[in-house]
Amino acid sequence: MLSGIGVPGIILLVILALLLFGPNKLPELGRAVGRTFREFKDGARDIIGEDDQAPRKSEPKPLAASETQQPAPVQSSAAQDKRLPE
């Protein structure tokens, strides 16, 4: 991103920011931008974390050893033909 701007471009941006906002407002502006980026990253992590946890919540919990489970019936090939192609 900054590789195309170069040093003269960065110096020009700093001078322009000083003229627009003044030297007293720049630290406040920098803090606000930093907070915004931090909140964005935290929100993105939350969304990614929810996606990772969603399959875990939908899985059935394991049965205790005392609970017996009957084997699932085998589906015929006719039932498999009715599925939509992947």
N, C-alpha and C. Protein backbone atom coordinates (compact mmCIF):
# COMPACT_ATOMS: atom_id res chain seq x y z
N MET A 1 0.82 -1.18 0.00
CA MET A 1 0.00 0.00 0.00
C MET A 1 0.87 1.25 0.00
N LEU A 2 1.78 1.38 0.94
CA LEU A 2 2.63 2.56 1.02
C LEU A 2 3.83 2.48 0.09
N SER A 3 4.07 1.31 -0.50
CA SER A 3 5.25 1.18 -1.35
C SER A 3 5.13 2.03 -2.61
N GLY A 4 3.93 2.34 -3.06
CA GLY A 4 3.75 3.15 -4.26
C GLY A 4 3.82 4.64 -3.96
N ILE A 5 3.66 5.04 -2.70
CA ILE A 5 3.65 6.46 -2.35
C ILE A 5 5.08 7.00 -2.29
N GLY A 6 5.94 6.34 -1.58
CA GLY A 6 7.32 6.80 -1.45
C GLY A 6 7.47 7.83 -0.34
N VAL A 7 8.71 8.18 -0.05
CA VAL A 7 9.03 9.11 1.04
C VAL A 7 8.50 10.52 0.74
N PRO A 8 8.68 11.06 -0.47
CA PRO A 8 8.16 12.41 -0.72
C PRO A 8 6.63 12.49 -0.56
N GLY A 9 5.93 11.45 -0.95
CA GLY A 9 4.48 11.42 -0.81
C GLY A 9 4.04 11.39 0.64
N ILE A 10 4.77 10.64 1.47
CA ILE A 10 4.45 10.58 2.90
C ILE A 10 4.69 11.94 3.54
N ILE A 11 5.79 12.59 3.19
CA ILE A 11 6.08 13.92 3.74
C ILE A 11 4.98 14.90 3.34
N LEU A 12 4.54 14.82 2.09
CA LEU A 12 3.47 15.70 1.62
C LEU A 12 2.16 15.44 2.38
N LEU A 13 1.85 14.17 2.65
CA LEU A 13 0.65 13.84 3.41
C LEU A 13 0.72 14.37 4.84
N VAL A 14 1.88 14.28 5.48
CA VAL A 14 2.05 14.79 6.85
C VAL A 14 1.86 16.31 6.87
N ILE A 15 2.46 17.00 5.90
CA ILE A 15 2.31 18.47 5.84
C ILE A 15 0.85 18.84 5.60
N LEU A 16 0.18 18.12 4.72
CA LEU A 16 -1.23 18.38 4.45
C LEU A 16 -2.09 18.14 5.69
N ALA A 17 -1.80 17.07 6.43
CA ALA A 17 -2.55 16.78 7.66
C ALA A 17 -2.32 17.87 8.70
N LEU A 18 -1.09 18.34 8.81
CA LEU A 18 -0.80 19.43 9.75
C LEU A 18 -1.57 20.70 9.40
N LEU A 19 -1.65 21.00 8.11
CA LEU A 19 -2.37 22.20 7.68
C LEU A 19 -3.88 22.07 7.91
N LEU A 20 -4.42 20.88 7.66
CA LEU A 20 -5.86 20.69 7.79
C LEU A 20 -6.32 20.61 9.25
N PHE A 21 -5.61 19.84 10.07
CA PHE A 21 -6.07 19.56 11.43
C PHE A 21 -5.32 20.33 12.50
N GLY A 22 -4.16 20.81 12.20
CA GLY A 22 -3.37 21.52 13.19
C GLY A 22 -2.59 20.55 14.06
N PRO A 23 -1.51 21.02 14.68
CA PRO A 23 -0.66 20.12 15.48
C PRO A 23 -1.34 19.62 16.76
N ASN A 24 -2.34 20.32 17.26
CA ASN A 24 -2.99 19.90 18.49
C ASN A 24 -4.00 18.78 18.27
N LYS A 25 -4.60 18.72 17.10
CA LYS A 25 -5.62 17.72 16.81
C LYS A 25 -5.05 16.40 16.28
N LEU A 26 -3.82 16.40 15.78
CA LEU A 26 -3.26 15.18 15.18
C LEU A 26 -3.15 14.01 16.15
N PRO A 27 -2.66 14.19 17.40
CA PRO A 27 -2.62 13.03 18.31
C PRO A 27 -4.01 12.46 18.59
N GLU A 28 -4.99 13.33 18.74
CA GLU A 28 -6.36 12.87 18.98
C GLU A 28 -6.89 12.11 17.77
N LEU A 29 -6.61 12.62 16.60
CA LEU A 29 -7.03 11.96 15.37
C LEU A 29 -6.36 10.59 15.22
N GLY A 30 -5.08 10.52 15.54
CA GLY A 30 -4.35 9.25 15.48
C GLY A 30 -4.92 8.22 16.44
N ARG A 31 -5.27 8.64 17.66
CA ARG A 31 -5.88 7.73 18.63
C ARG A 31 -7.22 7.21 18.12
N ALA A 32 -8.02 8.10 17.54
CA ALA A 32 -9.33 7.69 17.02
C ALA A 32 -9.19 6.67 15.89
N VAL A 33 -8.23 6.91 15.02
CA VAL A 33 -8.00 5.96 13.92
C VAL A 33 -7.53 4.62 14.48
N GLY A 34 -6.64 4.65 15.47
CA GLY A 34 -6.16 3.42 16.09
C GLY A 34 -7.28 2.64 16.75
N ARG A 35 -8.16 3.34 17.48
CA ARG A 35 -9.31 2.68 18.12
C ARG A 35 -10.23 2.05 17.08
N THR A 36 -10.43 2.75 15.97
CA THR A 36 -11.30 2.23 14.92
C THR A 36 -10.73 0.95 14.33
N PHE A 37 -9.44 0.95 14.03
CA PHE A 37 -8.81 -0.27 13.50
C PHE A 37 -8.87 -1.41 14.50
N ARG A 38 -8.63 -1.12 15.78
CA ARG A 38 -8.67 -2.15 16.81
C ARG A 38 -10.06 -2.77 16.92
N GLU A 39 -11.11 -1.92 16.91
CA GLU A 39 -12.47 -2.44 16.99
C GLU A 39 -12.82 -3.27 15.75
N PHE A 40 -12.33 -2.84 14.60
CA PHE A 40 -12.58 -3.61 13.38
C PHE A 40 -11.93 -4.98 13.46
N LYS A 41 -10.68 -5.03 13.93
CA LYS A 41 -9.99 -6.32 14.05
C LYS A 41 -10.67 -7.22 15.07
N ASP A 42 -11.11 -6.65 16.20
CA ASP A 42 -11.79 -7.44 17.22
C ASP A 42 -13.11 -7.99 16.67
N GLY A 43 -13.84 -7.17 15.94
CA GLY A 43 -15.09 -7.64 15.33
C GLY A 43 -14.84 -8.75 14.32
N ALA A 44 -13.79 -8.61 13.53
CA ALA A 44 -13.47 -9.65 12.55
C ALA A 44 -13.08 -10.95 13.26
N ARG A 45 -12.33 -10.85 14.35
CA ARG A 45 -11.97 -12.06 15.11
C ARG A 45 -13.20 -12.72 15.70
N ASP A 46 -14.15 -11.93 16.20
CA ASP A 46 -15.38 -12.48 16.75
C ASP A 46 -16.17 -13.23 15.69
N ILE A 47 -16.27 -12.64 14.50
CA ILE A 47 -17.01 -13.29 13.42
C ILE A 47 -16.32 -14.58 13.01
N ILE A 48 -15.01 -14.56 12.88
CA ILE A 48 -14.27 -15.77 12.52
C ILE A 48 -14.38 -16.81 13.62
N GLY A 49 -14.32 -16.37 14.88
CA GLY A 49 -14.46 -17.30 16.00
C GLY A 49 -15.83 -17.95 16.04
N GLU A 50 -16.89 -17.20 15.71
CA GLU A 50 -18.23 -17.76 15.67
C GLU A 50 -18.34 -18.80 14.57
N ASP A 51 -17.72 -18.55 13.43
CA ASP A 51 -17.76 -19.53 12.33
C ASP A 51 -17.05 -20.82 12.72
N ASP A 52 -15.94 -20.71 13.46
CA ASP A 52 -15.21 -21.90 13.88
C ASP A 52 -15.97 -22.68 14.93
N GLN A 53 -16.71 -22.00 15.81
CA GLN A 53 -17.42 -22.66 16.90
C GLN A 53 -18.77 -23.20 16.47
N ALA A 54 -19.36 -22.71 15.40
CA ALA A 54 -20.69 -23.13 14.99
C ALA A 54 -20.79 -24.63 14.72
N PRO A 55 -19.86 -25.27 13.99
CA PRO A 55 -19.99 -26.71 13.78
C PRO A 55 -19.85 -27.50 15.08
N ARG A 56 -19.07 -27.02 16.01
CA ARG A 56 -18.89 -27.73 17.26
C ARG A 56 -20.17 -27.75 18.07
N LYS A 57 -20.93 -26.66 18.04
CA LYS A 57 -22.17 -26.60 18.80
C LYS A 57 -23.24 -27.50 18.21
N SER A 58 -23.23 -27.71 16.91
CA SER A 58 -24.27 -28.49 16.28
C SER A 58 -24.01 -30.00 16.35
N GLU A 59 -22.81 -30.40 16.72
CA GLU A 59 -22.50 -31.82 16.83
C GLU A 59 -23.20 -32.40 18.05
N PRO A 60 -23.72 -33.63 17.94
CA PRO A 60 -24.35 -34.24 19.11
C PRO A 60 -23.30 -34.60 20.14
N LYS A 61 -23.68 -34.50 21.41
CA LYS A 61 -22.71 -34.86 22.45
C LYS A 61 -22.56 -36.37 22.50
N PRO A 62 -21.39 -36.87 22.86
CA PRO A 62 -21.15 -38.32 22.87
C PRO A 62 -22.02 -39.01 23.93
N LEU A 63 -22.43 -40.23 23.62
CA LEU A 63 -23.24 -41.01 24.53
C LEU A 63 -22.37 -41.65 25.60
N ALA A 64 -22.96 -41.88 26.77
CA ALA A 64 -22.25 -42.55 27.85
C ALA A 64 -22.10 -44.02 27.49
N ALA A 65 -21.17 -44.70 28.14
CA ALA A 65 -20.89 -46.10 27.86
C ALA A 65 -22.10 -46.97 28.19
N SER A 66 -22.92 -46.56 29.15
CA SER A 66 -24.07 -47.36 29.53
C SER A 66 -25.19 -47.27 28.50
N GLU A 67 -25.20 -46.23 27.68
CA GLU A 67 -26.24 -46.07 26.66
C GLU A 67 -25.81 -46.82 25.41
N THR A 68 -26.69 -47.70 24.96
CA THR A 68 -26.36 -48.46 23.75
C THR A 68 -26.99 -47.78 22.55
N GLN A 69 -26.35 -47.95 21.43
CA GLN A 69 -26.84 -47.31 20.21
C GLN A 69 -26.96 -48.37 19.14
N GLN A 70 -28.08 -48.40 18.46
CA GLN A 70 -28.29 -49.36 17.40
C GLN A 70 -27.57 -48.86 16.15
N PRO A 71 -27.03 -49.75 15.34
CA PRO A 71 -26.36 -49.30 14.11
C PRO A 71 -27.36 -48.68 13.16
N ALA A 72 -26.90 -47.69 12.44
CA ALA A 72 -27.76 -46.99 11.49
C ALA A 72 -28.08 -47.90 10.32
N PRO A 73 -29.31 -47.85 9.81
CA PRO A 73 -29.66 -48.70 8.66
C PRO A 73 -28.89 -48.26 7.42
N VAL A 74 -28.58 -49.22 6.59
CA VAL A 74 -27.86 -48.94 5.36
C VAL A 74 -28.85 -48.44 4.32
N GLN A 75 -28.51 -47.33 3.67
CA GLN A 75 -29.40 -46.77 2.66
C GLN A 75 -29.21 -47.51 1.34
N SER A 76 -30.30 -47.68 0.65
CA SER A 76 -30.20 -48.34 -0.64
C SER A 76 -29.66 -47.37 -1.68
N SER A 77 -29.25 -47.89 -2.81
CA SER A 77 -28.71 -47.03 -3.86
C SER A 77 -29.81 -46.15 -4.46
N ALA A 78 -31.08 -46.56 -4.37
CA ALA A 78 -32.18 -45.75 -4.89
C ALA A 78 -32.31 -44.46 -4.08
N ALA A 79 -32.11 -44.53 -2.76
CA ALA A 79 -32.21 -43.34 -1.90
C ALA A 79 -31.04 -42.39 -2.20
N GLN A 80 -29.90 -42.94 -2.54
CA GLN A 80 -28.75 -42.10 -2.83
C GLN A 80 -28.90 -41.38 -4.17
N ASP A 81 -29.64 -41.97 -5.12
CA ASP A 81 -29.83 -41.36 -6.43
C ASP A 81 -30.70 -40.11 -6.36
N LYS A 82 -31.52 -39.98 -5.31
CA LYS A 82 -32.42 -38.85 -5.17
C LYS A 82 -31.72 -37.60 -4.67
N ARG A 83 -30.48 -37.73 -4.22
CA ARG A 83 -29.75 -36.56 -3.71
C ARG A 83 -29.39 -35.63 -4.86
N LEU A 84 -29.23 -34.37 -4.51
CA LEU A 84 -28.79 -33.39 -5.51
C LEU A 84 -27.31 -33.59 -5.80
N PRO A 85 -26.86 -33.35 -7.02
CA PRO A 85 -25.43 -33.47 -7.31
C PRO A 85 -24.65 -32.42 -6.55
N GLU A 86 -23.44 -32.75 -6.16
CA GLU A 86 -22.60 -31.85 -5.37
C GLU A 86 -21.82 -30.90 -6.22
